[in-house]
């Protein structure tokens, strides 16, 4: 993120107000306001052209699933491994710039008209941090909420799977907030994770316990 200016903070406050006011009518990524909605629609055009599914993960999916204080500056999307190259090529003719990234890093786009970054999470890649890589790889979008050739949000259980796999401080904070926002979904999330990896079940149980302790001390 660049320098924090008054204009930037003002824009963020306006965005937060709009998200709060319209939350009950914004169920799909295409409903996002302002420049984010425009980027989603531009991504939909590329998905249609390349005939592939994709889901929104990251901060916008966290917001959609109940952590309403979470506002992010970019859009994270999961793409099928077999479609990544075609998607990037098509995107470069559809208003996006493919940004240079260091070797071994995942692709990244810039939407020229809005300045919004799009981070690509390719199926089959291993998330995590260098000292603690994830025990699993990124699933195909169809397994985590993808349908058709327009963007969908990752399902809540799959989003928590991705967050636990990433393992960064912000990701784990998101897991806690998502548990607190969706207590009625805890069993379903845990059931999903049992089919993914035992480490995720163990970590999830610890975050459920922490959420319970925080609720008791409130």
Protein backbone atom coordinates (compact mmCIF):
# COMPACT_ATOMS: atom_id res chain seq x y z
CA UNK A 1 0.00 0.00 0.00
CA UNK A 2 1.26 3.47 -0.84
CA UNK A 3 1.19 6.58 1.30
CA UNK A 4 -1.95 7.00 3.38
CA UNK A 5 -3.47 10.32 2.34
CA UNK A 6 -6.59 12.20 3.36
CA UNK A 7 -8.17 11.38 0.00
CA UNK A 8 -7.46 7.69 0.55
CA UNK A 9 -8.96 7.68 4.03
CA UNK A 10 -12.01 9.62 2.83
CA UNK A 11 -12.56 7.13 0.00
CA UNK A 12 -12.31 4.24 2.46
CA UNK A 13 -14.88 5.80 4.76
CA UNK A 14 -17.28 6.33 1.85
CA UNK A 15 -16.77 2.70 0.78
CA UNK A 16 -17.37 1.45 4.32
CA UNK A 17 -20.58 3.49 4.54
CA UNK A 18 -21.86 2.14 1.22
CA UNK A 19 -21.03 -1.44 2.14
CA UNK A 20 -22.84 -1.08 5.44
CA UNK A 21 -25.91 0.52 3.87
CA UNK A 22 -26.25 -1.99 1.03
CA UNK A 23 -25.02 -5.17 2.68
CA UNK A 24 -28.42 -6.88 2.57
CA UNK A 25 -28.58 -6.50 -1.22
CA UNK A 26 -25.00 -7.42 -2.14
CA UNK A 27 -24.93 -11.20 -2.30
CA UNK A 28 -22.66 -11.71 -5.32
CA UNK A 29 -19.29 -10.20 -6.28
CA UNK A 30 -21.02 -8.36 -9.15
CA UNK A 31 -22.96 -6.37 -6.54
CA UNK A 32 -19.87 -4.75 -5.03
CA UNK A 33 -19.95 -0.96 -5.28
CA UNK A 34 -17.83 1.42 -7.29
CA UNK A 35 -14.56 0.39 -8.83
CA UNK A 36 -14.62 -3.08 -7.25
CA UNK A 37 -17.88 -3.96 -8.96
CA UNK A 38 -16.47 -2.68 -12.25
CA UNK A 39 -13.42 -4.89 -11.89
CA UNK A 40 -15.58 -7.93 -11.10
CA UNK A 41 -17.60 -7.35 -14.27
CA UNK A 42 -14.39 -6.98 -16.30
CA UNK A 43 -13.12 -10.26 -14.84
CA UNK A 44 -16.41 -11.91 -15.77
CA UNK A 45 -15.81 -10.95 -19.40
CA UNK A 46 -12.42 -12.64 -19.30
CA UNK A 47 -13.84 -15.74 -17.63
CA UNK A 48 -16.52 -15.99 -20.29
CA UNK A 49 -13.94 -15.59 -23.05
CA UNK A 50 -11.76 -18.34 -21.60
CA UNK A 51 -14.61 -20.59 -20.46
CA UNK A 52 -13.45 -21.17 -16.91
CA UNK A 53 -14.81 -20.99 -13.38
CA UNK A 54 -13.40 -18.81 -10.63
CA UNK A 55 -14.17 -17.76 -7.08
CA UNK A 56 -13.38 -14.67 -5.04
CA UNK A 57 -11.37 -15.41 -1.91
CA UNK A 58 -9.42 -13.02 0.27
CA UNK A 59 -10.81 -10.01 2.06
CA UNK A 60 -13.95 -9.57 -0.04
CA UNK A 61 -15.05 -13.14 0.64
CA UNK A 62 -14.36 -12.56 4.34
CA UNK A 63 -16.59 -9.48 4.20
CA UNK A 64 -19.34 -11.37 2.37
CA UNK A 65 -19.35 -14.12 5.00
CA UNK A 66 -19.96 -11.79 7.88
CA UNK A 67 -16.82 -9.94 8.94
CA UNK A 68 -18.30 -6.62 7.90
CA UNK A 69 -15.39 -4.56 9.20
CA UNK A 70 -13.03 -6.18 6.68
CA UNK A 71 -12.29 -3.91 3.72
CA UNK A 72 -9.50 -4.76 1.30
CA UNK A 73 -7.74 -2.99 -1.56
CA UNK A 74 -7.49 -5.85 -4.04
CA UNK A 75 -9.43 -8.84 -5.32
CA UNK A 76 -8.18 -12.41 -4.90
CA UNK A 77 -9.46 -15.01 -7.36
CA UNK A 78 -8.84 -18.75 -7.64
CA UNK A 79 -8.31 -20.04 -11.18
CA UNK A 80 -8.08 -23.57 -12.62
CA UNK A 81 -4.45 -24.44 -13.37
CA UNK A 82 -5.22 -25.34 -16.97
CA UNK A 83 -6.72 -21.90 -17.67
CA UNK A 84 -4.23 -19.55 -16.03
CA UNK A 85 -2.14 -18.77 -19.13
CA UNK A 86 -5.18 -18.25 -21.37
CA UNK A 87 -6.82 -16.10 -18.70
CA UNK A 88 -3.76 -13.84 -18.40
CA UNK A 89 -3.50 -13.48 -22.16
CA UNK A 90 -7.18 -12.60 -22.51
CA UNK A 91 -7.02 -10.20 -19.55
CA UNK A 92 -4.20 -8.24 -21.20
CA UNK A 93 -6.64 -7.37 -24.01
CA UNK A 94 -9.54 -6.61 -21.65
CA UNK A 95 -8.31 -3.64 -19.66
CA UNK A 96 -5.83 -5.42 -17.39
CA UNK A 97 -2.05 -5.22 -17.17
CA UNK A 98 -0.17 -8.38 -16.25
CA UNK A 99 2.28 -7.17 -13.61
CA UNK A 100 5.85 -8.46 -13.35
CA UNK A 101 6.37 -10.68 -10.32
CA UNK A 102 9.49 -12.39 -8.92
CA UNK A 103 10.15 -15.95 -10.01
CA UNK A 104 8.02 -18.39 -8.05
CA UNK A 105 5.36 -15.82 -7.15
CA UNK A 106 1.77 -16.13 -8.31
CA UNK A 107 0.42 -13.94 -11.15
CA UNK A 108 -0.95 -10.49 -10.48
CA UNK A 109 -3.06 -8.12 -12.60
CA UNK A 110 -3.74 -4.40 -12.48
CA UNK A 111 -7.06 -3.10 -13.77
CA UNK A 112 -5.93 -0.01 -15.63
CA UNK A 113 -9.09 2.09 -15.32
CA UNK A 114 -9.58 1.65 -11.58
CA UNK A 115 -6.10 0.87 -10.23
CA UNK A 116 -7.41 -2.24 -8.47
CA UNK A 117 -4.98 -5.16 -8.18
CA UNK A 118 -6.15 -8.70 -8.85
CA UNK A 119 -4.18 -11.52 -7.22
CA UNK A 120 -4.38 -14.91 -8.93
CA UNK A 121 -4.45 -18.03 -6.75
CA UNK A 122 -3.72 -20.90 -9.16
CA UNK A 123 -5.19 -24.33 -8.51
CA UNK A 124 -2.50 -26.77 -7.38
CA UNK A 125 -0.17 -24.17 -5.87
CA UNK A 126 0.84 -24.50 -2.23
CA UNK A 127 -0.02 -21.57 0.03
CA UNK A 128 1.54 -20.79 3.39
CA UNK A 129 4.64 -18.94 4.52
CA UNK A 130 8.23 -20.02 3.78
CA UNK A 131 8.79 -21.43 7.26
CA UNK A 132 5.41 -23.17 7.31
CA UNK A 133 4.07 -24.22 3.90
CA UNK A 134 0.54 -25.56 3.84
CA UNK A 135 0.04 -29.34 3.85
CA UNK A 136 -2.44 -28.98 0.95
CA UNK A 137 -2.69 -27.13 -2.35
CA UNK A 138 -5.31 -24.71 -3.70
CA UNK A 139 -8.41 -26.61 -4.89
CA UNK A 140 -10.13 -26.26 -8.25
CA UNK A 141 -12.72 -23.46 -8.11
CA UNK A 142 -15.56 -25.92 -8.75
CA UNK A 143 -14.79 -27.56 -5.40
CA UNK A 144 -14.99 -24.35 -3.39
CA UNK A 145 -18.05 -22.55 -4.73
CA UNK A 146 -17.32 -21.86 -8.40
CA UNK A 147 -20.12 -22.24 -10.94
CA UNK A 148 -20.34 -21.13 -14.55
CA UNK A 149 -18.16 -18.43 -16.09
CA UNK A 150 -18.87 -15.58 -13.69
CA UNK A 151 -17.24 -14.91 -10.36
CA UNK A 152 -18.78 -16.43 -7.25
CA UNK A 153 -17.68 -16.11 -3.65
CA UNK A 154 -15.80 -19.03 -2.15
CA UNK A 155 -18.05 -20.94 0.23
CA UNK A 156 -17.53 -20.27 3.93
CA UNK A 157 -15.97 -23.69 4.73
CA UNK A 158 -13.66 -23.41 1.72
CA UNK A 159 -12.71 -19.85 2.65
CA UNK A 160 -11.67 -20.99 6.11
CA UNK A 161 -9.71 -23.83 4.49
CA UNK A 162 -7.84 -21.29 2.34
CA UNK A 163 -7.22 -19.00 5.32
CA UNK A 164 -5.83 -21.81 7.47
CA UNK A 165 -3.63 -22.91 4.57
CA UNK A 166 -2.26 -19.39 4.07
CA UNK A 167 -1.45 -19.12 7.76
CA UNK A 168 -0.48 -15.44 7.90
CA UNK A 169 -1.43 -13.32 10.89
CA UNK A 170 -4.24 -11.56 9.01
CA UNK A 171 -5.57 -14.86 7.65
CA UNK A 172 -5.79 -16.36 11.12
CA UNK A 173 -7.43 -13.20 12.48
CA UNK A 174 -9.99 -13.60 9.69
CA UNK A 175 -10.67 -17.19 10.79
CA UNK A 176 -11.48 -15.98 14.29
CA UNK A 177 -13.81 -13.26 13.03
CA UNK A 178 -15.56 -15.66 10.65
CA UNK A 179 -16.17 -18.13 13.47
CA UNK A 180 -17.60 -15.36 15.63
CA UNK A 181 -19.83 -14.20 12.77
CA UNK A 182 -21.08 -17.69 11.88
CA UNK A 183 -21.45 -19.78 15.07
CA UNK A 184 -24.28 -21.80 13.49
CA UNK A 185 -21.87 -22.97 10.75
CA UNK A 186 -19.15 -24.37 13.01
CA UNK A 187 -20.17 -28.00 12.61
CA UNK A 188 -20.46 -27.72 8.82
CA UNK A 189 -17.07 -26.04 8.58
CA UNK A 190 -15.45 -28.68 10.76
CA UNK A 191 -17.04 -31.45 8.66
CA UNK A 192 -15.60 -29.88 5.50
CA UNK A 193 -12.14 -29.64 7.04
CA UNK A 194 -12.17 -33.31 8.08
CA UNK A 195 -12.18 -34.15 4.38
CA UNK A 196 -9.24 -31.82 3.69
CA UNK A 197 -6.54 -32.29 6.34
CA UNK A 198 -6.30 -33.17 10.04
CA UNK A 199 -4.04 -30.19 10.71
CA UNK A 200 -6.82 -27.84 9.65
CA UNK A 201 -9.31 -29.55 11.94
CA UNK A 202 -6.94 -29.17 14.88
CA UNK A 203 -6.26 -25.51 14.10
CA UNK A 204 -9.95 -24.78 13.59
CA UNK A 205 -10.86 -26.36 16.93
CA UNK A 206 -8.32 -24.10 18.63
CA UNK A 207 -9.82 -21.01 17.01
CA UNK A 208 -13.33 -22.13 17.98
CA UNK A 209 -12.13 -22.45 21.56
CA UNK A 210 -10.57 -18.98 21.43
CA UNK A 211 -13.77 -17.52 20.01
CA UNK A 212 -15.70 -19.12 22.88
CA UNK A 213 -13.27 -17.71 25.46
CA UNK A 214 -13.54 -14.24 23.98
CA UNK A 215 -17.33 -14.44 24.06
CA UNK A 216 -17.26 -15.50 27.71
CA UNK A 217 -15.01 -12.61 28.67
CA UNK A 218 -17.01 -9.99 26.77
